[in-house]
Structure formats: structure tokens, C-alpha cells
Amino acid sequence: MWINAYYQDKNVAEYFDKWTELNQVKAIVDNPALYQKQANLEEIEELTNEQLAITLYTKSGFVLYSSNPLKSGYVWKERMFKGLYELQQSYNAFTYKEPVYRHGDLLGIYGKFH
């Protein structure tokens, strides 16, 4: 039983670590200027690495930026809007998606993958 408790405690600690990291990322990707054409993406590019991938989508599903070179083009809206505001954990990764608004209008969505 103590082994299960150990892994549960480890999962909870990892979840809170990821949530803290997510809040740091949100402070940058929640900027409406990033969802405009010709946006300066330098700050986002500095955040990404082998452990952290970020994708920015327009409200129509067009990929504005992705640190993953395999993600480009369009994403179906249904897929893009699925799981918003949920920090989802899979075997080896965490994912999170959130919309970005300006004056109540949806500009786009960002996704963080770790």
C-alpha cells in the first residue's frame, strides 16, 4: 500500500509543479498581440525546448506558431476546443489549452504540451 501512496503523492507533486510552470507560460501566451499577423514570437520561442512545446491557433483553427515542426496548417474546431481549461496528464506528458480573448472577442487558443 505504501508504494501506491508514494506514487499518488509523486503524481500530486508533479501536477502542482506543472500547474506552476503553466501559470508562468500563461503570463506570456495570454498576450493578444501574439494572435495577430506578423506578431513578434521571440518571447515564446525562448520558452520552448525539448521539454516544453507551445502551439498558437487562430480562432478558426489555423496554426499561427508551433514549436513542434510537425504541427502546421489547420486543426478542426471540434478538436481545438476539446479539453479547454483542463490540465490533462497522460503517461509521459501534460497538455493544457486555453482561449485568448480581447474585449470579449475570441482571438485564438494556445496549447502547452510538456
PDB file of N, CA and C in Angstrom:
ATOM      1  N   MET A   1       0.806  -1.197   0.000  1.00  0.00           N
ATOM      2  CA  MET A   1       0.000   0.000   0.000  1.00  0.00           C
ATOM      3  C   MET A   1       0.849   1.261   0.000  1.00  0.00           C
ATOM      4  N   TRP A   2       1.948   1.249   0.715  1.00  0.00           N
ATOM      5  CA  TRP A   2       2.758   2.469   0.776  1.00  0.00           C
ATOM      6  C   TRP A   2       3.351   2.822  -0.579  1.00  0.00           C
ATOM      7  N   ILE A   3       3.523   1.821  -1.460  1.00  0.00           N
ATOM      8  CA  ILE A   3       4.036   2.103  -2.804  1.00  0.00           C
ATOM      9  C   ILE A   3       3.002   2.909  -3.587  1.00  0.00           C
ATOM     10  N   ASN A   4       1.735   2.509  -3.489  1.00  0.00           N
ATOM     11  CA  ASN A   4       0.672   3.268  -4.158  1.00  0.00           C
ATOM     12  C   ASN A   4       0.596   4.695  -3.626  1.00  0.00           C
ATOM     13  N   ALA A   5       0.698   4.847  -2.310  1.00  0.00           N
ATOM     14  CA  ALA A   5       0.655   6.177  -1.710  1.00  0.00           C
ATOM     15  C   ALA A   5       1.825   7.021  -2.190  1.00  0.00           C
ATOM     16  N   TYR A   6       2.992   6.405  -2.312  1.00  0.00           N
ATOM     17  CA  TYR A   6       4.176   7.119  -2.798  1.00  0.00           C
ATOM     18  C   TYR A   6       3.925   7.649  -4.204  1.00  0.00           C
ATOM     19  N   TYR A   7       3.417   6.793  -5.092  1.00  0.00           N
ATOM     20  CA  TYR A   7       3.175   7.222  -6.469  1.00  0.00           C
ATOM     21  C   TYR A   7       2.056   8.252  -6.561  1.00  0.00           C
ATOM     22  N   GLN A   8       1.045   8.135  -5.717  1.00  0.00           N
ATOM     23  CA  GLN A   8      -0.011   9.145  -5.700  1.00  0.00           C
ATOM     24  C   GLN A   8       0.540  10.493  -5.248  1.00  0.00           C
ATOM     25  N   ASP A   9       1.373  10.475  -4.199  1.00  0.00           N
ATOM     26  CA  ASP A   9       1.995  11.715  -3.730  1.00  0.00           C
ATOM     27  C   ASP A   9       2.895  12.312  -4.803  1.00  0.00           C
ATOM     28  N   LYS A  10       3.621  11.453  -5.497  1.00  0.00           N
ATOM     29  CA  LYS A  10       4.514  11.910  -6.562  1.00  0.00           C
ATOM     30  C   LYS A  10       3.704  12.537  -7.696  1.00  0.00           C
ATOM     31  N   ASN A  11       2.583  11.915  -8.058  1.00  0.00           N
ATOM     32  CA  ASN A  11       1.723  12.458  -9.115  1.00  0.00           C
ATOM     33  C   ASN A  11       1.139  13.809  -8.718  1.00  0.00           C
ATOM     34  N   VAL A  12       0.729  13.947  -7.469  1.00  0.00           N
ATOM     35  CA  VAL A  12       0.177  15.217  -6.992  1.00  0.00           C
ATOM     36  C   VAL A  12       1.249  16.300  -7.032  1.00  0.00           C
ATOM     37  N   ALA A  13       2.448  15.985  -6.570  1.00  0.00           N
ATOM     38  CA  ALA A  13       3.548  16.955  -6.588  1.00  0.00           C
ATOM     39  C   ALA A  13       3.889  17.359  -8.019  1.00  0.00           C
ATOM     40  N   GLU A  14       3.920  16.392  -8.920  1.00  0.00           N
ATOM     41  CA  GLU A  14       4.225  16.684 -10.320  1.00  0.00           C
ATOM     42  C   GLU A  14       3.126  17.548 -10.939  1.00  0.00           C
ATOM     43  N   TYR A  15       1.879  17.252 -10.604  1.00  0.00           N
ATOM     44  CA  TYR A  15       0.751  18.034 -11.103  1.00  0.00           C
ATOM     45  C   TYR A  15       0.891  19.496 -10.680  1.00  0.00           C
ATOM     46  N   PHE A  16       1.201  19.746  -9.416  1.00  0.00           N
ATOM     47  CA  PHE A  16       1.335  21.125  -8.941  1.00  0.00           C
ATOM     48  C   PHE A  16       2.556  21.818  -9.532  1.00  0.00           C
ATOM     49  N   ASP A  17       3.629  21.081  -9.764  1.00  0.00           N
ATOM     50  CA  ASP A  17       4.796  21.648 -10.453  1.00  0.00           C
ATOM     51  C   ASP A  17       4.406  22.106 -11.852  1.00  0.00           C
ATOM     52  N   LYS A  18       3.666  21.266 -12.566  1.00  0.00           N
ATOM     53  CA  LYS A  18       3.246  21.610 -13.927  1.00  0.00           C
ATOM     54  C   LYS A  18       2.283  22.793 -13.914  1.00  0.00           C
ATOM     55  N   TRP A  19       1.413  22.854 -12.923  1.00  0.00           N
ATOM     56  CA  TRP A  19       0.465  23.961 -12.831  1.00  0.00           C
ATOM     57  C   TRP A  19       1.205  25.280 -12.588  1.00  0.00           C
ATOM     58  N   THR A  20       2.232  25.252 -11.750  1.00  0.00           N
ATOM     59  CA  THR A  20       3.051  26.445 -11.503  1.00  0.00           C
ATOM     60  C   THR A  20       3.754  26.872 -12.781  1.00  0.00           C
ATOM     61  N   GLU A  21       4.337  25.918 -13.485  1.00  0.00           N
ATOM     62  CA  GLU A  21       5.003  26.211 -14.758  1.00  0.00           C
ATOM     63  C   GLU A  21       4.004  26.759 -15.771  1.00  0.00           C
ATOM     64  N   LEU A  22       2.821  26.184 -15.801  1.00  0.00           N
ATOM     65  CA  LEU A  22       1.782  26.634 -16.721  1.00  0.00           C
ATOM     66  C   LEU A  22       1.431  28.095 -16.480  1.00  0.00           C
ATOM     67  N   ASN A  23       1.319  28.498 -15.235  1.00  0.00           N
ATOM     68  CA  ASN A  23       0.993  29.890 -14.929  1.00  0.00           C
ATOM     69  C   ASN A  23       2.067  30.845 -15.432  1.00  0.00           C
ATOM     70  N   GLN A  24       3.316  30.431 -15.403  1.00  0.00           N
ATOM     71  CA  GLN A  24       4.402  31.253 -15.943  1.00  0.00           C
ATOM     72  C   GLN A  24       4.268  31.372 -17.462  1.00  0.00           C
ATOM     73  N   VAL A  25       3.917  30.277 -18.117  1.00  0.00           N
ATOM     74  CA  VAL A  25       3.733  30.288 -19.569  1.00  0.00           C
ATOM     75  C   VAL A  25       2.512  31.134 -19.937  1.00  0.00           C
ATOM     76  N   LYS A  26       1.431  30.988 -19.178  1.00  0.00           N
ATOM     77  CA  LYS A  26       0.201  31.735 -19.452  1.00  0.00           C
ATOM     78  C   LYS A  26       0.436  33.236 -19.431  1.00  0.00           C
ATOM     79  N   ALA A  27       1.309  33.690 -18.556  1.00  0.00           N
ATOM     80  CA  ALA A  27       1.594  35.120 -18.456  1.00  0.00           C
ATOM     81  C   ALA A  27       2.124  35.669 -19.779  1.00  0.00           C
ATOM     82  N   ILE A  28       2.746  34.828 -20.571  1.00  0.00           N
ATOM     83  CA  ILE A  28       3.299  35.260 -21.861  1.00  0.00           C
ATOM     84  C   ILE A  28       2.331  34.995 -23.006  1.00  0.00           C
ATOM     85  N   VAL A  29       1.774  33.786 -23.087  1.00  0.00           N
ATOM     86  CA  VAL A  29       0.954  33.415 -24.247  1.00  0.00           C
ATOM     87  C   VAL A  29      -0.455  34.005 -24.208  1.00  0.00           C
ATOM     88  N   ASP A  30      -0.829  34.599 -23.104  1.00  0.00           N
ATOM     89  CA  ASP A  30      -2.145  35.223 -22.993  1.00  0.00           C
ATOM     90  C   ASP A  30      -2.158  36.640 -23.581  1.00  0.00           C
ATOM     91  N   ASN A  31      -1.098  37.021 -24.249  1.00  0.00           N
ATOM     92  CA  ASN A  31      -0.962  38.345 -24.845  1.00  0.00           C
ATOM     93  C   ASN A  31      -1.694  38.387 -26.191  1.00  0.00           C
ATOM     94  N   PRO A  32      -2.747  39.206 -26.328  1.00  0.00           N
ATOM     95  CA  PRO A  32      -3.496  39.266 -27.587  1.00  0.00           C
ATOM     96  C   PRO A  32      -2.650  39.621 -28.806  1.00  0.00           C
ATOM     97  N   ALA A  33      -1.565  40.347 -28.620  1.00  0.00           N
ATOM     98  CA  ALA A  33      -0.709  40.736 -29.750  1.00  0.00           C
ATOM     99  C   ALA A  33      -0.098  39.526 -30.449  1.00  0.00           C
ATOM    100  N   LEU A  34       0.040  38.419 -29.752  1.00  0.00           N
ATOM    101  CA  LEU A  34       0.636  37.215 -30.342  1.00  0.00           C
ATOM    102  C   LEU A  34      -0.271  36.563 -31.377  1.00  0.00           C
ATOM    103  N   TYR A  35      -1.543  36.906 -31.372  1.00  0.00           N
ATOM    104  CA  TYR A  35      -2.512  36.260 -32.254  1.00  0.00           C
ATOM    105  C   TYR A  35      -2.829  37.116 -33.476  1.00  0.00           C
ATOM    106  N   GLN A  36      -1.960  38.067 -33.762  1.00  0.00           N
ATOM    107  CA  GLN A  36      -2.075  38.926 -34.936  1.00  0.00           C
ATOM    108  C   GLN A  36      -1.046  38.487 -35.977  1.00  0.00           C
ATOM    109  N   LYS A  37      -1.303  38.840 -37.224  1.00  0.00           N
ATOM    110  CA  LYS A  37      -0.323  38.550 -38.275  1.00  0.00           C
ATOM    111  C   LYS A  37       0.960  39.314 -37.982  1.00  0.00           C
ATOM    112  N   GLN A  38       2.081  38.709 -38.325  1.00  0.00           N
ATOM    113  CA  GLN A  38       3.398  39.313 -38.146  1.00  0.00           C
ATOM    114  C   GLN A  38       3.716  39.599 -36.679  1.00  0.00           C
ATOM    115  N   ALA A  39       3.158  38.813 -35.767  1.00  0.00           N
ATOM    116  CA  ALA A  39       3.424  39.010 -34.340  1.00  0.00           C
ATOM    117  C   ALA A  39       4.874  38.658 -34.021  1.00  0.00           C
ATOM    118  N   ASN A  40       5.421  39.331 -33.040  1.00  0.00           N
ATOM    119  CA  ASN A  40       6.767  39.029 -32.565  1.00  0.00           C
ATOM    120  C   ASN A  40       6.673  37.831 -31.618  1.00  0.00           C
ATOM    121  N   LEU A  41       7.207  36.705 -32.047  1.00  0.00           N
ATOM    122  CA  LEU A  41       7.098  35.459 -31.288  1.00  0.00           C
ATOM    123  C   LEU A  41       8.385  35.097 -30.559  1.00  0.00           C
ATOM    124  N   GLU A  42       9.298  36.037 -30.489  1.00  0.00           N
ATOM    125  CA  GLU A  42      10.605  35.773 -29.893  1.00  0.00           C
ATOM    126  C   GLU A  42      10.498  35.288 -28.449  1.00  0.00           C
ATOM    127  N   GLU A  43       9.626  35.905 -27.675  1.00  0.00           N
ATOM    128  CA  GLU A  43       9.475  35.536 -26.268  1.00  0.00           C
ATOM    129  C   GLU A  43       8.966  34.101 -26.123  1.00  0.00           C
ATOM    130  N   ILE A  44       8.074  33.688 -27.009  1.00  0.00           N
ATOM    131  CA  ILE A  44       7.567  32.316 -26.971  1.00  0.00           C
ATOM    132  C   ILE A  44       8.656  31.340 -27.391  1.00  0.00           C
ATOM    133  N   GLU A  45       9.392  31.692 -28.415  1.00  0.00           N
ATOM    134  CA  GLU A  45      10.468  30.817 -28.880  1.00  0.00           C
ATOM    135  C   GLU A  45      11.507  30.588 -27.789  1.00  0.00           C
ATOM    136  N   GLU A  46      11.733  31.583 -26.942  1.00  0.00           N
ATOM    137  CA  GLU A  46      12.678  31.434 -25.839  1.00  0.00           C
ATOM    138  C   GLU A  46      12.160  30.476 -24.771  1.00  0.00           C
ATOM    139  N   LEU A  47      10.851  30.359 -24.640  1.00  0.00           N
ATOM    140  CA  LEU A  47      10.253  29.463 -23.644  1.00  0.00           C
ATOM    141  C   LEU A  47      10.358  27.992 -24.030  1.00  0.00           C
ATOM    142  N   THR A  48      10.269  27.722 -25.308  1.00  0.00           N
ATOM    143  CA  THR A  48      10.157  26.337 -25.760  1.00  0.00           C
ATOM    144  C   THR A  48      11.507  25.634 -25.764  1.00  0.00           C
ATOM    145  N   ASN A  49      11.431  24.329 -25.571  1.00  0.00           N
ATOM    146  CA  ASN A  49      12.620  23.473 -25.596  1.00  0.00           C
ATOM    147  C   ASN A  49      12.156  22.036 -25.808  1.00  0.00           C
ATOM    148  N   GLU A  50      13.032  21.091 -25.598  1.00  0.00           N
ATOM    149  CA  GLU A  50      12.660  19.681 -25.797  1.00  0.00           C
ATOM    150  C   GLU A  50      11.586  19.226 -24.816  1.00  0.00           C
ATOM    151  N   GLN A  51      11.492  19.908 -23.682  1.00  0.00           N
ATOM    152  CA  GLN A  51      10.533  19.532 -22.648  1.00  0.00           C
ATOM    153  C   GLN A  51       9.215  20.303 -22.727  1.00  0.00           C
ATOM    154  N   LEU A  52       9.209  21.422 -23.435  1.00  0.00           N
ATOM    155  CA  LEU A  52       8.030  22.278 -23.467  1.00  0.00           C
ATOM    156  C   LEU A  52       7.723  22.711 -24.894  1.00  0.00           C
ATOM    157  N   ALA A  53       6.550  22.346 -25.366  1.00  0.00           N
ATOM    158  CA  ALA A  53       6.100  22.731 -26.706  1.00  0.00           C
ATOM    159  C   ALA A  53       4.890  23.648 -26.564  1.00  0.00           C
ATOM    160  N   ILE A  54       4.825  24.653 -27.418  1.00  0.00           N
ATOM    161  CA  ILE A  54       3.710  25.600 -27.405  1.00  0.00           C
ATOM    162  C   ILE A  54       3.177  25.737 -28.825  1.00  0.00           C
ATOM    163  N   THR A  55       1.850  25.773 -28.935  1.00  0.00           N
ATOM    164  CA  THR A  55       1.199  25.998 -30.220  1.00  0.00           C
ATOM    165  C   THR A  55       0.171  27.109 -30.044  1.00  0.00           C
ATOM    166  N   LEU A  56       0.153  28.040 -30.987  1.00  0.00           N
ATOM    167  CA  LEU A  56      -0.836  29.116 -31.007  1.00  0.00           C
ATOM    168  C   LEU A  56      -1.737  28.920 -32.216  1.00  0.00           C
ATOM    169  N   TYR A  57      -3.053  28.982 -31.992  1.00  0.00           N
ATOM    170  CA  TYR A  57      -4.042  28.806 -33.054  1.00  0.00           C
ATOM    171  C   TYR A  57      -4.884  30.070 -33.190  1.00  0.00           C
ATOM    172  N   THR A  58      -5.318  30.374 -34.406  1.00  0.00           N
ATOM    173  CA  THR A  58      -6.324  31.416 -34.581  1.00  0.00           C
ATOM    174  C   THR A  58      -7.670  30.833 -34.167  1.00  0.00           C
ATOM    175  N   LYS A  59      -8.678  31.682 -34.065  1.00  0.00           N
ATOM    176  CA  LYS A  59      -9.999  31.183 -33.673  1.00  0.00           C
ATOM    177  C   LYS A  59     -10.596  30.245 -34.712  1.00  0.00           C
ATOM    178  N   SER A  60     -10.104  30.302 -35.945  1.00  0.00           N
ATOM    179  CA  SER A  60     -10.602  29.400 -36.988  1.00  0.00           C
ATOM    180  C   SER A  60      -9.842  28.076 -37.034  1.00  0.00           C
ATOM    181  N   GLY A  61      -8.766  27.961 -36.240  1.00  0.00           N
ATOM    182  CA  GLY A  61      -8.027  26.707 -36.189  1.00  0.00           C
ATOM    183  C   GLY A  61      -6.715  26.701 -36.945  1.00  0.00           C
ATOM    184  N   PHE A  62      -6.340  27.818 -37.540  1.00  0.00           N
ATOM    185  CA  PHE A  62      -5.066  27.904 -38.257  1.00  0.00           C
ATOM    186  C   PHE A  62      -3.926  27.969 -37.242  1.00  0.00           C
ATOM    187  N   VAL A  63      -2.876  27.202 -37.478  1.00  0.00           N
ATOM    188  CA  VAL A  63      -1.725  27.201 -36.582  1.00  0.00           C
ATOM    189  C   VAL A  63      -0.864  28.429 -36.896  1.00  0.00           C
ATOM    190  N   LEU A  64      -0.853  29.388 -35.970  1.00  0.00           N
ATOM    191  CA  LEU A  64      -0.035  30.592 -36.120  1.00  0.00           C
ATOM    192  C   LEU A  64       1.430  30.308 -35.822  1.00  0.00           C
ATOM    193  N   TYR A  65       1.645  29.505 -34.794  1.00  0.00           N
ATOM    194  CA  TYR A  65       3.005  29.170 -34.364  1.00  0.00           C
ATOM    195  C   TYR A  65       2.973  27.812 -33.682  1.00  0.00           C
ATOM    196  N   SER A  66       3.987  27.029 -33.907  1.00  0.00           N
ATOM    197  CA  SER A  66       4.164  25.791 -33.163  1.00  0.00           C
ATOM    198  C   SER A  66       5.648  25.513 -33.032  1.00  0.00           C
ATOM    199  N   SER A  67       6.064  25.200 -31.820  1.00  0.00           N
ATOM    200  CA  SER A  67       7.460  24.822 -31.615  1.00  0.00           C
ATOM    201  C   SER A  67       7.706  23.401 -32.113  1.00  0.00           C
ATOM    202  N   ASN A  68       6.625  22.690 -32.401  1.00  0.00           N
ATOM    203  CA  ASN A  68       6.718  21.352 -32.981  1.00  0.00           C
ATOM    204  C   ASN A  68       6.605  21.490 -34.499  1.00  0.00           C
ATOM    205  N   PRO A  69       7.682  21.199 -35.231  1.00  0.00           N
ATOM    206  CA  PRO A  69       7.646  21.388 -36.689  1.00  0.00           C
ATOM    207  C   PRO A  69       6.629  20.501 -37.407  1.00  0.00           C
ATOM    208  N   LEU A  70       6.107  19.491 -36.731  1.00  0.00           N
ATOM    209  CA  LEU A  70       5.120  18.608 -37.349  1.00  0.00           C
ATOM    210  C   LEU A  70       3.707  19.177 -37.282  1.00  0.00           C
ATOM    211  N   LYS A  71       3.509  20.227 -36.491  1.00  0.00           N
ATOM    212  CA  LYS A  71       2.187  20.847 -36.384  1.00  0.00           C
ATOM    213  C   LYS A  71       2.145  22.076 -37.266  1.00  0.00           C
ATOM    214  N   SER A  72       1.322  22.022 -38.269  1.00  0.00           N
ATOM    215  CA  SER A  72       1.131  23.180 -39.142  1.00  0.00           C
ATOM    216  C   SER A  72      -0.233  23.055 -39.797  1.00  0.00           C
ATOM    217  N   GLY A  73      -0.645  24.087 -40.491  1.00  0.00           N
ATOM    218  CA  GLY A  73      -1.923  24.037 -41.193  1.00  0.00           C
ATOM    219  C   GLY A  73      -3.087  24.366 -40.292  1.00  0.00           C
ATOM    220  N   TYR A  74      -4.127  23.545 -40.382  1.00  0.00           N
ATOM    221  CA  TYR A  74      -5.364  23.769 -39.640  1.00  0.00           C
ATOM    222  C   TYR A  74      -5.659  22.604 -38.714  1.00  0.00           C
ATOM    223  N   VAL A  75      -6.420  22.919 -37.672  1.00  0.00           N
ATOM    224  CA  VAL A  75      -6.939  21.920 -36.749  1.00  0.00           C
ATOM    225  C   VAL A  75      -8.450  22.092 -36.747  1.00  0.00           C
ATOM    226  N   TRP A  76      -9.175  20.983 -36.780  1.00  0.00           N
ATOM    227  CA  TRP A  76     -10.635  21.055 -36.717  1.00  0.00           C
ATOM    228  C   TRP A  76     -11.042  21.778 -35.439  1.00  0.00           C
ATOM    229  N   LYS A  77     -12.043  22.635 -35.549  1.00  0.00           N
ATOM    230  CA  LYS A  77     -12.500  23.402 -34.385  1.00  0.00           C
ATOM    231  C   LYS A  77     -12.915  22.492 -33.236  1.00  0.00           C
ATOM    232  N   GLU A  78     -13.595  21.403 -33.557  1.00  0.00           N
ATOM    233  CA  GLU A  78     -14.037  20.484 -32.509  1.00  0.00           C
ATOM    234  C   GLU A  78     -12.849  19.976 -31.704  1.00  0.00           C
ATOM    235  N   ARG A  79     -11.795  19.637 -32.392  1.00  0.00           N
ATOM    236  CA  ARG A  79     -10.589  19.136 -31.721  1.00  0.00           C
ATOM    237  C   ARG A  79      -9.895  20.259 -30.948  1.00  0.00           C
ATOM    238  N   MET A  80      -9.884  21.439 -31.537  1.00  0.00           N
ATOM    239  CA  MET A  80      -9.213  22.570 -30.916  1.00  0.00           C
ATOM    240  C   MET A  80      -9.909  22.981 -29.613  1.00  0.00           C
ATOM    241  N   PHE A  81     -11.234  22.945 -29.590  1.00  0.00           N
ATOM    242  CA  PHE A  81     -11.979  23.385 -28.418  1.00  0.00           C
ATOM    243  C   PHE A  81     -12.165  22.283 -27.369  1.00  0.00           C
ATOM    244  N   LYS A  82     -11.825  21.077 -27.698  1.00  0.00           N
ATOM    245  CA  LYS A  82     -11.998  19.968 -26.763  1.00  0.00           C
ATOM    246  C   LYS A  82     -10.947  20.046 -25.652  1.00  0.00           C
ATOM    247  N   GLY A  83     -11.398  19.947 -24.419  1.00  0.00           N
ATOM    248  CA  GLY A  83     -10.488  19.897 -23.279  1.00  0.00           C
ATOM    249  C   GLY A  83      -9.923  21.239 -22.843  1.00  0.00           C
ATOM    250  N   LEU A  84     -10.617  22.337 -23.177  1.00  0.00           N
ATOM    251  CA  LEU A  84     -10.144  23.645 -22.733  1.00  0.00           C
ATOM    252  C   LEU A  84     -10.131  23.715 -21.209  1.00  0.00           C
ATOM    253  N   TYR A  85      -9.165  24.406 -20.662  1.00  0.00           N
ATOM    254  CA  TYR A  85      -9.013  24.650 -19.225  1.00  0.00           C
ATOM    255  C   TYR A  85      -8.731  23.384 -18.419  1.00  0.00           C
ATOM    256  N   GLU A  86      -8.406  22.289 -19.076  1.00  0.00           N
ATOM    257  CA  GLU A  86      -8.133  21.038 -18.364  1.00  0.00           C
ATOM    258  C   GLU A  86      -6.652  20.707 -18.467  1.00  0.00           C
ATOM    259  N   LEU A  87      -5.998  20.602 -17.323  1.00  0.00           N
ATOM    260  CA  LEU A  87      -4.612  20.143 -17.306  1.00  0.00           C
ATOM    261  C   LEU A  87      -4.677  18.624 -17.346  1.00  0.00           C
ATOM    262  N   GLN A  88      -4.440  18.079 -18.522  1.00  0.00           N
ATOM    263  CA  GLN A  88      -4.594  16.645 -18.735  1.00  0.00           C
ATOM    264  C   GLN A  88      -3.244  15.952 -18.656  1.00  0.00           C
ATOM    265  N   GLN A  89      -3.228  14.846 -17.952  1.00  0.00           N
ATOM    266  CA  GLN A  89      -1.999  14.076 -17.803  1.00  0.00           C
ATOM    267  C   GLN A  89      -2.151  12.743 -18.515  1.00  0.00           C
ATOM    268  N   SER A  90      -1.180  12.446 -19.357  1.00  0.00           N
ATOM    269  CA  SER A  90      -1.110  11.123 -19.971  1.00  0.00           C
ATOM    270  C   SER A  90       0.143  10.449 -19.433  1.00  0.00           C
ATOM    271  N   TYR A  91       0.492   9.332 -20.004  1.00  0.00           N
ATOM    272  CA  TYR A  91       1.615   8.553 -19.492  1.00  0.00           C
ATOM    273  C   TYR A  91       2.882   9.380 -19.321  1.00  0.00           C
ATOM    274  N   ASN A  92       3.242  10.151 -20.333  1.00  0.00           N
ATOM    275  CA  ASN A  92       4.518  10.873 -20.261  1.00  0.00           C
ATOM    276  C   ASN A  92       4.389  12.357 -20.589  1.00  0.00           C
ATOM    277  N   ALA A  93       3.179  12.909 -20.510  1.00  0.00           N
ATOM    278  CA  ALA A  93       3.029  14.312 -20.894  1.00  0.00           C
ATOM    279  C   ALA A  93       1.835  14.959 -20.195  1.00  0.00           C
ATOM    280  N   PHE A  94       1.911  16.270 -20.100  1.00  0.00           N
ATOM    281  CA  PHE A  94       0.799  17.090 -19.654  1.00  0.00           C
ATOM    282  C   PHE A  94       0.399  17.979 -20.822  1.00  0.00           C
ATOM    283  N   THR A  95      -0.896  18.202 -20.985  1.00  0.00           N
ATOM    284  CA  THR A  95      -1.368  19.125 -22.018  1.00  0.00           C
ATOM    285  C   THR A  95      -2.370  20.091 -21.390  1.00  0.00           C
ATOM    286  N   TYR A  96      -2.419  21.288 -21.970  1.00  0.00           N
ATOM    287  CA  TYR A  96      -3.346  22.306 -21.491  1.00  0.00           C
ATOM    288  C   TYR A  96      -3.667  23.234 -22.653  1.00  0.00           C
ATOM    289  N   LYS A  97      -4.936  23.618 -22.773  1.00  0.00           N
ATOM    290  CA  LYS A  97      -5.361  24.560 -23.814  1.00  0.00           C
ATOM    291  C   LYS A  97      -6.280  25.601 -23.187  1.00  0.00           C
ATOM    292  N   GLU A  98      -6.128  26.834 -23.674  1.00  0.00           N
ATOM    293  CA  GLU A  98      -6.970  27.910 -23.155  1.00  0.00           C
ATOM    294  C   GLU A  98      -7.186  28.956 -24.246  1.00  0.00           C
ATOM    295  N   PRO A  99      -8.408  29.501 -24.332  1.00  0.00           N
ATOM    296  CA  PRO A  99      -8.662  30.559 -25.313  1.00  0.00           C
ATOM    297  C   PRO A  99      -8.099  31.897 -24.838  1.00  0.00           C
ATOM    298  N   VAL A 100      -7.856  32.773 -25.797  1.00  0.00           N
ATOM    299  CA  VAL A 100      -7.377  34.127 -25.514  1.00  0.00           C
ATOM    300  C   VAL A 100      -8.397  35.100 -26.095  1.00  0.00           C
ATOM    301  N   TYR A 101      -8.841  36.023 -25.260  1.00  0.00           N
ATOM    302  CA  TYR A 101      -9.857  36.998 -25.653  1.00  0.00           C
ATOM    303  C   TYR A 101      -9.299  38.413 -25.604  1.00  0.00           C
ATOM    304  N   ARG A 102      -9.908  39.271 -26.404  1.00  0.00           N
ATOM    305  CA  ARG A 102      -9.625  40.707 -26.334  1.00  0.00           C
ATOM    306  C   ARG A 102     -10.958  41.424 -26.444  1.00  0.00           C
ATOM    307  N   HIS A 103     -11.304  42.161 -25.401  1.00  0.00           N
ATOM    308  CA  HIS A 103     -12.580  42.885 -25.341  1.00  0.00           C
ATOM    309  C   HIS A 103     -13.754  41.934 -25.591  1.00  0.00           C
ATOM    310  N   GLY A 104     -13.671  40.730 -25.071  1.00  0.00           N
ATOM    311  CA  GLY A 104     -14.743  39.756 -25.204  1.00  0.00           C
ATOM    312  C   GLY A 104     -14.759  38.971 -26.495  1.00  0.00           C
ATOM    313  N   ASP A 105     -13.878  39.293 -27.432  1.00  0.00           N
ATOM    314  CA  ASP A 105     -13.819  38.578 -28.711  1.00  0.00           C
ATOM    315  C   ASP A 105     -12.717  37.526 -28.670  1.00  0.00           C
ATOM    316  N   LEU A 106     -13.043  36.339 -29.119  1.00  0.00           N
ATOM    317  CA  LEU A 106     -12.058  35.263 -29.177  1.00  0.00           C
ATOM    318  C   LEU A 106     -11.014  35.573 -30.246  1.00  0.00           C
ATOM    319  N   LEU A 107      -9.745  35.575 -29.849  1.00  0.00           N
ATOM    320  CA  LEU A 107      -8.650  35.790 -30.798  1.00  0.00           C
ATOM    321  C   LEU A 107      -8.028  34.480 -31.235  1.00  0.00           C
ATOM    322  N   GLY A 108      -7.880  33.572 -30.292  1.00  0.00           N
ATOM    323  CA  GLY A 108      -7.234  32.309 -30.600  1.00  0.00           C
ATOM    324  C   GLY A 108      -7.139  31.439 -29.367  1.00  0.00           C
ATOM    325  N   ILE A 109      -6.387  30.369 -29.517  1.00  0.00           N
ATOM    326  CA  ILE A 109      -6.199  29.399 -28.437  1.00  0.00           C
ATOM    327  C   ILE A 109      -4.731  29.034 -28.400  1.00  0.00           C
ATOM    328  N   TYR A 110      -4.224  28.852 -27.200  1.00  0.00           N
ATOM    329  CA  TYR A 110      -2.865  28.335 -27.095  1.00  0.00           C
ATOM    330  C   TYR A 110      -2.906  26.959 -26.460  1.00  0.00           C
ATOM    331  N   GLY A 111      -1.953  26.157 -26.842  1.00  0.00           N
ATOM    332  CA  GLY A 111      -1.799  24.834 -26.267  1.00  0.00           C
ATOM    333  C   GLY A 111      -0.383  24.679 -25.751  1.00  0.00           C
ATOM    334  N   LYS A 112      -0.257  24.083 -24.585  1.00  0.00           N
ATOM    335  CA  LYS A 112       1.039  23.817 -23.974  1.00  0.00           C
ATOM    336  C   LYS A 112       1.151  22.319 -23.796  1.00  0.00           C
ATOM    337  N   PHE A 113       2.269  21.793 -24.193  1.00  0.00           N
ATOM    338  CA  PHE A 113       2.476  20.355 -24.120  1.00  0.00           C
ATOM    339  C   PHE A 113       3.813  20.103 -23.450  1.00  0.00           C
ATOM    340  N   HIS A 114       3.800  19.263 -22.446  1.00  0.00           N
ATOM    341  CA  HIS A 114       5.034  19.020 -21.704  1.00  0.00           C
ATOM    342  C   HIS A 114       5.216  17.525 -21.515  1.00  0.00           C
TER     343      HIS A 114
END
